[in-house]
Amino acid sequence: MKDVLIKKVSKVKGIRFHHFLNNNQKAVIAHMEDKHNQGVHECLKRSCVFVVSHDEHFRKPLAPLILNNNQGLLFPSQKFPEVHPKATCSSPSKKVHEFLVRELKMYIDENEATLLVGL
């Protein structure tokens, strides 16, 4: 299954696959990420979670990135249909982004951002 996911992700314009997360890494991120970033927390609940980076060539978001409700600003997950109909993705906070870059020894350009994908 992992090989199939990597192959699918590699075909998406503006996306680079980096790493599958283990349960330890998922727990650290869950503790570190802001509670209002619901998208990241939703991704982390999935059995398969991986990290990709994207640049300006990746498509526009399919839904609003930020919602404002009576609890303040919320950051919902986004659908990631290029990988699977049930896949979700979300942008982590800067703190989690920096953790991922260090932890996974990622080499990304300054014009790239990280995304967590859960399936």
Protein backbone atom coordinates (compact mmCIF):
# COMPACT_ATOMS: atom_id res chain seq x y z
CA MET A 1 0.00 0.00 0.00
CA LYS A 2 2.78 2.46 0.88
CA ASP A 3 4.42 2.03 -2.52
CA VAL A 4 1.11 2.75 -4.25
CA LEU A 5 0.64 5.93 -2.16
CA ILE A 6 4.16 7.17 -2.92
CA LYS A 7 3.58 6.56 -6.63
CA LYS A 8 0.25 8.45 -6.59
CA VAL A 9 1.69 11.37 -4.62
CA SER A 10 4.68 11.59 -6.95
CA LYS A 11 2.33 12.23 -9.87
CA VAL A 12 0.66 15.25 -8.25
CA LYS A 13 1.94 18.54 -9.66
CA GLY A 14 3.73 20.65 -7.04
CA ILE A 15 3.96 17.87 -4.42
CA ARG A 16 6.97 15.92 -3.12
CA PHE A 17 6.65 12.87 -0.87
CA HIS A 18 8.95 12.85 2.17
CA HIS A 19 8.15 10.36 4.91
CA PHE A 20 5.56 8.16 6.63
CA LEU A 21 5.11 9.05 10.31
CA ASN A 22 5.38 6.47 13.08
CA ASN A 23 3.17 6.49 16.19
CA ASN A 24 5.83 8.27 18.27
CA GLN A 25 6.12 11.11 15.77
CA LYS A 26 2.34 11.37 15.53
CA ALA A 27 2.09 11.64 19.34
CA VAL A 28 4.73 14.39 19.49
CA ILE A 29 2.94 16.36 16.77
CA ALA A 30 -0.47 15.91 18.45
CA HIS A 31 0.97 17.33 21.67
CA MET A 32 2.77 20.16 19.89
CA GLU A 33 0.05 21.30 17.48
CA ASP A 34 -2.47 23.99 18.42
CA LYS A 35 -5.91 22.61 19.30
CA HIS A 36 -7.55 24.94 16.76
CA ASN A 37 -5.70 23.22 13.94
CA GLN A 38 -8.41 20.58 13.65
CA GLY A 39 -7.11 19.43 10.27
CA VAL A 40 -3.77 18.28 11.64
CA HIS A 41 -5.46 16.50 14.56
CA GLU A 42 -7.87 14.81 12.16
CA CYS A 43 -5.00 13.63 9.95
CA LEU A 44 -3.13 12.25 12.96
CA LYS A 45 -6.10 10.03 13.89
CA ARG A 46 -5.74 8.14 10.62
CA SER A 47 -3.79 4.88 10.56
CA CYS A 48 -1.53 6.01 7.72
CA VAL A 49 -0.05 9.51 7.99
CA PHE A 50 2.69 10.92 5.79
CA VAL A 51 4.43 14.20 5.11
CA VAL A 52 4.65 15.92 1.75
CA SER A 53 5.86 19.34 0.75
CA HIS A 54 4.20 21.54 -1.82
CA ASP A 55 5.18 24.55 -3.84
CA GLU A 56 3.25 27.17 -5.78
CA HIS A 57 2.46 24.67 -8.56
CA PHE A 58 0.15 22.65 -6.30
CA ARG A 59 -3.56 23.25 -6.88
CA LYS A 60 -5.63 25.77 -4.93
CA PRO A 61 -7.40 24.53 -1.76
CA LEU A 62 -10.71 22.77 -2.39
CA ALA A 63 -12.36 24.37 0.67
CA PRO A 64 -11.68 27.35 2.98
CA LEU A 65 -8.43 27.05 4.93
CA ILE A 66 -9.74 29.02 7.90
CA LEU A 67 -13.18 29.02 9.50
CA ASN A 68 -14.36 31.58 12.03
CA ASN A 69 -16.94 30.39 14.55
CA ASN A 70 -17.86 31.14 18.15
CA GLN A 71 -14.70 29.33 19.32
CA GLY A 72 -12.46 31.59 17.22
CA LEU A 73 -10.44 30.63 14.18
CA LEU A 74 -10.40 26.97 13.21
CA PHE A 75 -8.21 25.28 10.62
CA PRO A 76 -10.15 22.35 9.10
CA SER A 77 -8.71 19.49 7.09
CA GLN A 78 -8.84 19.50 3.31
CA LYS A 79 -9.72 16.65 1.00
CA PHE A 80 -6.80 15.15 -0.92
CA PRO A 81 -8.60 13.20 -3.69
CA GLU A 82 -5.45 12.83 -5.79
CA VAL A 83 -4.35 10.11 -3.36
CA HIS A 84 -7.64 8.55 -2.24
CA PRO A 85 -11.29 9.68 -1.88
CA LYS A 86 -11.02 9.44 1.93
CA ALA A 87 -7.60 11.10 2.25
CA THR A 88 -7.34 14.39 4.14
CA CYS A 89 -4.52 16.88 4.40
CA SER A 90 -3.69 19.86 6.54
CA SER A 91 -0.95 22.44 6.98
CA PRO A 92 0.84 22.17 10.30
CA SER A 93 1.80 25.16 12.41
CA LYS A 94 5.24 26.71 11.98
CA LYS A 95 6.40 24.94 15.16
CA VAL A 96 5.34 21.53 13.81
CA HIS A 97 6.73 22.35 10.35
CA GLU A 98 10.14 23.08 11.90
CA PHE A 99 9.93 19.87 13.97
CA LEU A 100 9.19 17.84 10.82
CA VAL A 101 12.07 19.37 8.90
CA ARG A 102 14.50 18.58 11.76
CA GLU A 103 13.06 15.18 12.73
CA LEU A 104 12.82 13.83 9.20
CA LYS A 105 15.96 15.60 7.94
CA MET A 106 13.92 17.10 5.13
CA TYR A 107 15.57 19.26 2.51
CA ILE A 108 12.94 21.66 1.26
CA ASP A 109 13.18 24.90 -0.64
CA GLU A 110 12.14 28.18 0.95
CA ASN A 111 9.13 28.31 -1.39
CA GLU A 112 7.83 24.93 -0.16
CA ALA A 113 5.51 24.22 2.77
CA THR A 114 4.70 20.97 4.53
CA LEU A 115 1.40 19.13 4.55
CA LEU A 116 0.30 16.18 6.64
CA VAL A 117 -1.80 13.65 4.77
CA GLY A 118 -3.94 11.11 6.59
CA LEU A 119 -5.59 8.02 5.20
